[in-house]
Amino acid sequence: MTESWPCPALREFELGPRTTLRVGGTVAWFLEPATPDAFVEAWHAALERGFTPRVLGGGANLLVPDGRLPGVVITTARMGRVFRPGRCEDADWNDPRQGDPSTGEGAEERAELVAWAGMPLPGLVRVARELGWSGLEGLVGVPGHLGGGVAMNAGGRWGEMWDVVETVRVLTTDGEVEECSRSACEPVYRDGNLGGAVVLGAHLVLARGDELEIKERMRQYLAEKSAAQPVTERSCGCIFKNPDPELSGGRSAGRLVDECGGKGRTHGDAIVSPKHGNFIVNRGRATAADVLYLIEDLRSLVRDRTGIELEDEVKRWNPVPDREAGGEVPA
């Protein structure tokens, strides 16, 4: 039976190539809305057909299962726009102002941007750098899209996504579009605290700075990350959250894996990175099952030797969608 969808839709779509780890099977329906409003239409259309849609951003920090997923995946890949808000109090979230951050009303006022959920984080960092605006340097080298970055409060020791988020527009689990402030969300480490809501876009406030100094900070941060992490290899980013420092003696998840002898462990074509114990790398033909085996192997290894239970940072999709789960928003 042919379905009629409110946006471009593909049947039996292969998901693995859309993730940074490059593993995972297919989905029955793959929807590609191009604006936040079109995304909301696609979401409701899926619900009306009895599907709980999953959301795919840049595919970072995500593990898609092998095999065939029933139902619907909605991608934000075509929603990669960033622009300056106008002078009105309520920024027009569906007016991209020709997609040019250097123009638009208020261009000479505060250093502000509105970005849709599908805006790639590397592109957003580049826009800020070229404008000479500071606040996003800590996200240099972080893959994925803005939607996942906000939902998971992406970042590291040099800064986090919510450092610059003023408001976020979301689609709630009840299907309503709402705008939430940072103070209302109260984001924490690796969690935007959105209660399962799907990010449609965010209003960012940065600070004007010196372009050369911003570029130099980004260069230094990226060099340090490249020296310590497999940033050019196929991975889904950090597998585990860093544990409570009081329980771990200040040791990160990667250091715990390293001290317990987990680096270099393999299963199939998946390997725990010899460079960083909190990364699993696809050497070419790894499957989701290979990666899942290593995740549980490392968790057991650290638990048995230290008593510390590592918690997943990577998001997993279950083989069968849960009608009550709402929208997961991986990076």
Protein backbone atom coordinates (compact mmCIF):
# COMPACT_ATOMS: atom_id res chain seq x y z
CA MET A 1 0.00 0.00 0.00
CA THR A 2 1.32 3.44 -0.92
CA GLU A 3 1.18 6.01 1.84
CA SER A 4 0.64 9.72 1.25
CA TRP A 5 2.96 11.82 3.43
CA PRO A 6 3.16 15.63 3.83
CA CYS A 7 6.88 15.64 2.91
CA PRO A 8 9.32 13.54 0.84
CA ALA A 9 9.24 9.92 2.04
CA LEU A 10 11.43 6.93 1.19
CA ARG A 11 10.61 3.25 1.65
CA GLU A 12 12.96 0.67 3.19
CA PHE A 13 15.68 3.23 3.82
CA GLU A 14 19.19 2.21 4.97
CA LEU A 15 20.05 4.03 8.19
CA GLY A 16 23.68 3.03 8.81
CA PRO A 17 25.21 5.52 6.35
CA ARG A 18 23.31 8.31 8.13
CA THR A 19 25.14 7.65 11.43
CA THR A 20 28.72 8.52 12.36
CA LEU A 21 29.35 4.92 13.47
CA ARG A 22 28.06 3.59 10.12
CA VAL A 23 26.13 0.66 11.56
CA GLY A 24 22.44 -0.20 11.62
CA GLY A 25 19.69 -1.62 9.46
CA THR A 26 16.76 -0.23 7.51
CA VAL A 27 13.47 1.47 8.38
CA ALA A 28 10.10 1.03 6.70
CA TRP A 29 9.54 4.79 6.18
CA PHE A 30 12.07 7.63 6.14
CA LEU A 31 10.57 11.15 6.10
CA GLU A 32 12.48 14.31 5.11
CA PRO A 33 10.73 17.55 6.15
CA ALA A 34 12.51 20.77 5.18
CA THR A 35 11.20 23.21 7.83
CA PRO A 36 10.13 23.07 11.49
CA ASP A 37 6.47 23.40 10.46
CA ALA A 38 6.87 20.55 7.96
CA PHE A 39 8.49 18.46 10.69
CA VAL A 40 5.46 18.97 12.94
CA GLU A 41 3.14 17.94 10.07
CA ALA A 42 5.20 14.80 9.44
CA TRP A 43 5.16 13.94 13.14
CA HIS A 44 1.38 14.17 13.37
CA ALA A 45 0.94 12.26 10.12
CA ALA A 46 3.01 9.40 11.54
CA LEU A 47 0.96 9.37 14.75
CA GLU A 48 -2.28 9.33 12.76
CA ARG A 49 -1.04 6.19 10.99
CA GLY A 50 -0.32 4.49 14.29
CA PHE A 51 3.47 5.00 14.34
CA THR A 52 5.60 6.51 17.09
CA PRO A 53 8.26 8.24 14.97
CA ARG A 54 11.94 8.20 15.79
CA VAL A 55 14.07 11.27 15.03
CA LEU A 56 17.42 11.11 13.26
CA GLY A 57 19.69 14.14 13.29
CA GLY A 58 23.36 13.93 12.37
CA GLY A 59 23.55 10.35 13.62
CA ALA A 60 26.22 11.05 16.24
CA ASN A 61 25.93 9.50 19.70
CA LEU A 62 23.47 6.98 18.30
CA LEU A 63 23.45 3.20 17.93
CA VAL A 64 20.88 1.92 15.42
CA PRO A 65 20.10 -1.81 15.66
CA ASP A 66 20.77 -4.30 12.88
CA GLY A 67 17.90 -5.59 10.77
CA ARG A 68 14.66 -3.90 9.79
CA LEU A 69 12.87 -1.34 11.95
CA PRO A 70 9.13 -1.07 11.46
CA GLY A 71 7.48 2.33 11.47
CA VAL A 72 8.84 5.78 10.74
CA VAL A 73 12.07 7.73 11.12
CA ILE A 74 11.93 11.50 10.58
CA THR A 75 15.23 13.15 9.71
CA THR A 76 16.20 16.77 10.37
CA ALA A 77 18.89 16.64 7.67
CA ARG A 78 17.07 19.07 5.36
CA MET A 79 16.47 21.53 8.23
CA GLY A 80 20.02 22.88 8.26
CA ARG A 81 19.36 26.60 8.34
CA VAL A 82 20.80 29.37 10.52
CA PHE A 83 19.87 33.06 10.40
CA ARG A 84 19.66 36.19 12.51
CA PRO A 85 16.38 36.89 14.30
CA GLY A 86 14.42 40.00 13.44
CA ARG A 87 13.58 42.86 15.76
CA CYS A 88 10.28 41.36 16.90
CA GLU A 89 10.18 39.75 20.33
CA ASP A 90 9.07 36.39 18.89
CA ALA A 91 11.66 35.37 16.30
CA ASP A 92 10.04 33.95 13.16
CA TRP A 93 11.33 30.39 13.37
CA ASN A 94 10.27 29.57 9.81
CA ASP A 95 11.79 32.66 8.13
CA PRO A 96 15.39 31.82 7.22
CA ARG A 97 16.14 35.36 5.93
CA GLN A 98 17.65 33.77 2.83
CA GLY A 99 19.76 31.59 5.12
CA ASP A 100 22.46 34.25 5.46
CA PRO A 101 23.62 34.92 9.06
CA SER A 102 25.42 38.09 7.95
CA THR A 103 22.21 39.88 6.93
CA GLY A 104 18.79 40.60 8.34
CA GLU A 105 17.23 43.03 10.74
CA GLY A 106 19.25 43.60 13.86
CA ALA A 107 22.47 42.47 12.15
CA GLU A 108 24.50 45.11 13.94
CA GLU A 109 22.95 44.56 17.35
CA ARG A 110 23.36 41.60 19.68
CA ALA A 111 25.30 38.57 18.54
CA GLU A 112 22.28 36.32 18.09
CA LEU A 113 21.40 33.41 15.82
CA VAL A 114 18.37 31.24 15.25
CA ALA A 115 19.27 27.74 14.09
CA TRP A 116 16.98 24.93 13.02
CA ALA A 117 17.38 21.44 14.43
CA GLY A 118 19.21 20.10 11.37
CA MET A 119 21.98 22.69 11.39
CA PRO A 120 25.26 20.72 11.53
CA LEU A 121 27.28 21.67 14.61
CA PRO A 122 30.53 22.01 12.62
CA GLY A 123 28.75 24.46 10.30
CA LEU A 124 27.35 26.41 13.22
CA VAL A 125 30.79 26.68 14.81
CA ARG A 126 32.18 27.88 11.47
CA VAL A 127 29.50 30.58 11.15
CA ALA A 128 30.31 31.90 14.63
CA ARG A 129 34.03 31.89 13.86
CA GLU A 130 33.58 33.81 10.61
CA LEU A 131 31.38 36.40 12.35
CA GLY A 132 33.90 36.82 15.16
CA TRP A 133 31.38 35.69 17.76
CA SER A 134 32.47 33.76 20.84
CA GLY A 135 30.70 31.04 22.80
CA LEU A 136 30.82 28.00 20.53
CA GLU A 137 34.58 27.35 20.55
CA GLY A 138 34.15 24.40 22.92
CA LEU A 139 32.02 22.58 20.33
CA VAL A 140 34.75 22.50 17.71
CA GLY A 141 35.19 18.95 16.48
CA VAL A 142 31.80 17.84 17.84
CA PRO A 143 29.71 16.09 15.14
CA GLY A 144 25.95 15.93 14.82
CA HIS A 145 23.19 18.50 14.48
CA LEU A 146 21.94 21.31 16.67
CA GLY A 147 18.83 19.37 17.70
CA GLY A 148 20.79 16.56 19.27
CA GLY A 149 23.37 18.97 20.65
CA VAL A 150 20.66 20.84 22.55
CA ALA A 151 18.81 17.69 23.65
CA MET A 152 22.00 16.14 25.04
CA ASN A 153 23.80 19.34 26.02
CA ALA A 154 26.75 18.39 23.83
CA GLY A 155 30.23 19.66 24.60
CA GLY A 156 33.15 19.00 26.85
CA ARG A 157 35.58 20.66 29.22
CA TRP A 158 35.80 23.78 27.04
CA GLY A 159 32.08 24.47 27.00
CA GLU A 160 28.59 23.07 26.42
CA MET A 161 25.75 23.73 24.00
CA TRP A 162 23.48 25.27 26.62
CA ASP A 163 26.10 27.89 27.46
CA VAL A 164 24.71 29.88 24.51
CA VAL A 165 21.08 28.71 24.28
CA GLU A 166 18.59 31.39 25.30
CA THR A 167 15.41 29.61 24.23
CA VAL A 168 14.59 26.35 22.48
CA ARG A 169 11.52 25.56 20.41
CA VAL A 170 10.32 21.99 20.89
CA LEU A 171 7.59 19.57 19.89
CA THR A 172 6.36 18.04 23.13
CA THR A 173 5.38 14.42 23.64
CA ASP A 174 1.76 15.66 23.57
CA GLY A 175 2.30 17.03 20.06
CA GLU A 176 2.32 20.71 21.06
CA VAL A 177 4.89 23.27 19.92
CA GLU A 178 6.38 25.18 22.85
CA GLU A 179 9.20 27.61 23.48
CA CYS A 180 11.28 27.05 26.61
CA SER A 181 13.95 29.17 28.25
CA ARG A 182 17.20 27.90 29.70
CA SER A 183 15.98 28.66 33.23
CA ALA A 184 12.82 26.61 32.65
CA CYS A 185 14.74 23.61 31.25
CA GLU A 186 17.57 23.56 33.82
CA PRO A 187 19.99 21.57 31.61
CA VAL A 188 22.64 19.43 33.27
CA TYR A 189 25.66 17.37 32.23
CA ARG A 190 24.84 15.58 28.96
CA ASP A 191 21.13 16.26 29.31
CA GLY A 192 19.14 19.24 28.05
CA ASN A 193 16.36 18.09 30.41
CA LEU A 194 13.66 18.40 27.76
CA GLY A 195 11.53 15.52 28.99
CA GLY A 196 11.52 13.66 25.68
CA ALA A 197 10.48 16.69 23.61
CA VAL A 198 11.89 17.00 20.08
CA VAL A 199 14.03 20.05 19.33
CA LEU A 200 12.84 22.12 16.35
CA GLY A 201 15.30 24.98 16.74
CA ALA A 202 17.13 27.19 19.19
CA HIS A 203 17.75 30.90 19.75
CA LEU A 204 21.44 31.40 20.55
CA VAL A 205 23.11 34.38 22.18
CA LEU A 206 26.87 34.67 21.76
CA ALA A 207 29.40 37.41 22.51
CA ARG A 208 31.27 39.61 20.08
CA GLY A 209 34.99 38.88 20.20
CA ASP A 210 38.23 39.01 18.29
CA GLU A 211 38.09 36.78 15.20
CA LEU A 212 41.78 35.84 15.33
CA GLU A 213 41.60 34.93 19.03
CA ILE A 214 38.48 32.82 18.44
CA LYS A 215 40.17 30.98 15.56
CA GLU A 216 43.24 30.33 17.68
CA ARG A 217 41.19 28.92 20.55
CA MET A 218 39.38 26.62 18.15
CA ARG A 219 42.67 25.49 16.64
CA GLN A 220 44.09 24.67 20.07
CA TYR A 221 40.95 22.84 21.25
CA LEU A 222 40.76 20.78 18.08
CA ALA A 223 44.44 19.89 18.27
CA GLU A 224 44.02 18.65 21.85
CA LYS A 225 40.93 16.62 20.94
CA SER A 226 42.64 15.08 17.92
CA ALA A 227 45.61 14.05 20.05
CA ALA A 228 43.42 12.26 22.59
CA GLN A 229 40.38 11.04 20.63
CA PRO A 230 39.80 9.16 17.34
CA VAL A 231 38.02 12.17 15.83
CA THR A 232 38.63 11.11 12.20
CA GLU A 233 37.47 7.50 12.65
CA ARG A 234 34.00 5.97 12.54
CA SER A 235 32.61 6.16 16.05
CA CYS A 236 29.51 7.40 17.85
CA GLY A 237 31.48 9.56 20.27
CA CYS A 238 31.73 8.73 23.96
CA ILE A 239 30.03 5.47 24.89
CA PHE A 240 29.65 6.16 28.63
CA LYS A 241 28.96 9.23 30.73
CA ASN A 242 31.69 10.19 33.15
CA PRO A 243 30.75 8.81 36.59
CA ASP A 244 30.34 10.85 39.75
CA PRO A 245 33.89 12.00 40.57
CA GLU A 246 33.33 11.25 44.26
CA LEU A 247 32.70 7.60 43.37
CA SER A 248 35.43 7.32 40.75
CA GLY A 249 38.16 9.32 42.47
CA GLY A 250 37.95 11.88 39.69
CA ARG A 251 38.58 9.30 36.97
CA SER A 252 36.69 9.66 33.71
CA ALA A 253 34.92 6.75 32.00
CA GLY A 254 37.73 6.52 29.46
CA ARG A 255 40.39 6.41 32.13
CA LEU A 256 38.52 3.68 34.03
CA VAL A 257 38.32 1.56 30.88
CA ASP A 258 42.02 2.15 30.27
CA GLU A 259 43.06 1.24 33.82
CA CYS A 260 40.94 -1.93 33.68
CA GLY A 261 42.59 -3.08 30.45
CA GLY A 262 39.70 -2.40 28.08
CA LYS A 263 41.55 -0.50 25.37
CA GLY A 264 42.06 -2.45 22.17
CA ARG A 265 39.40 -5.09 22.88
CA THR A 266 37.62 -6.23 19.73
CA HIS A 267 34.51 -8.01 18.61
CA GLY A 268 33.98 -8.56 14.91
CA ASP A 269 35.09 -5.39 13.15
CA ALA A 270 34.49 -3.17 16.21
CA ILE A 271 37.37 -2.13 18.46
CA VAL A 272 37.73 -0.14 21.66
CA SER A 273 39.95 2.69 20.47
CA PRO A 274 43.60 2.29 21.51
CA LYS A 275 43.61 6.09 21.64
CA HIS A 276 40.71 6.58 24.07
CA GLY A 277 38.92 3.94 26.14
CA ASN A 278 35.52 5.61 25.87
CA PHE A 279 35.30 5.28 22.08
CA ILE A 280 34.35 2.23 20.03
CA VAL A 281 35.47 2.41 16.40
CA ASN A 282 34.02 0.69 13.34
CA ARG A 283 37.03 -0.60 11.41
CA GLY A 284 34.92 -1.07 8.30
CA ARG A 285 32.31 -3.82 8.57
CA ALA A 286 31.21 -3.75 12.21
CA THR A 287 27.60 -4.46 13.10
CA ALA A 288 25.45 -2.99 15.84
CA ALA A 289 25.68 -6.37 17.57
CA ASP A 290 29.50 -6.10 17.61
CA VAL A 291 29.31 -2.68 19.24
CA LEU A 292 26.68 -3.75 21.78
CA TYR A 293 28.85 -6.71 22.78
CA LEU A 294 31.80 -4.42 23.49
CA ILE A 295 29.65 -1.94 25.44
CA GLU A 296 28.46 -4.65 27.81
CA ASP A 297 31.94 -6.18 27.96
CA LEU A 298 33.43 -2.86 29.09
CA ARG A 299 30.63 -2.19 31.54
CA SER A 300 31.17 -5.61 33.17
CA LEU A 301 34.95 -5.16 33.17
CA VAL A 302 34.80 -1.82 35.01
CA ARG A 303 32.07 -3.00 37.38
CA ASP A 304 33.97 -6.17 38.34
CA ARG A 305 37.27 -4.39 38.95
CA THR A 306 36.12 -1.12 40.50
CA GLY A 307 32.50 -1.56 41.59
CA ILE A 308 31.53 1.43 39.41
CA GLU A 309 28.53 1.03 37.12
CA LEU A 310 29.06 2.99 33.90
CA GLU A 311 25.98 4.65 32.42
CA ASP A 312 25.40 4.90 28.67
CA GLU A 313 25.92 8.24 27.00
CA VAL A 314 25.26 6.78 23.55
CA LYS A 315 21.57 6.52 22.68
CA ARG A 316 20.25 3.15 21.59
CA TRP A 317 17.19 2.51 19.45
CA ASN A 318 15.24 -0.58 20.43
CA PRO A 319 14.33 -2.90 17.54
CA VAL A 320 10.60 -2.29 18.10
CA PRO A 321 9.34 1.27 18.74
CA ASP A 322 7.53 1.95 21.99
CA ARG A 323 4.27 3.83 21.49
CA GLU A 324 4.72 5.56 24.84
CA ALA A 325 8.38 6.51 24.37
CA GLY A 326 7.88 9.87 22.68
CA GLY A 327 10.66 11.37 20.58
CA GLU A 328 14.28 10.47 21.12
CA VAL A 329 16.64 13.07 19.72
CA PRO A 330 20.13 11.73 19.15
CA ALA A 331 22.84 14.09 18.09
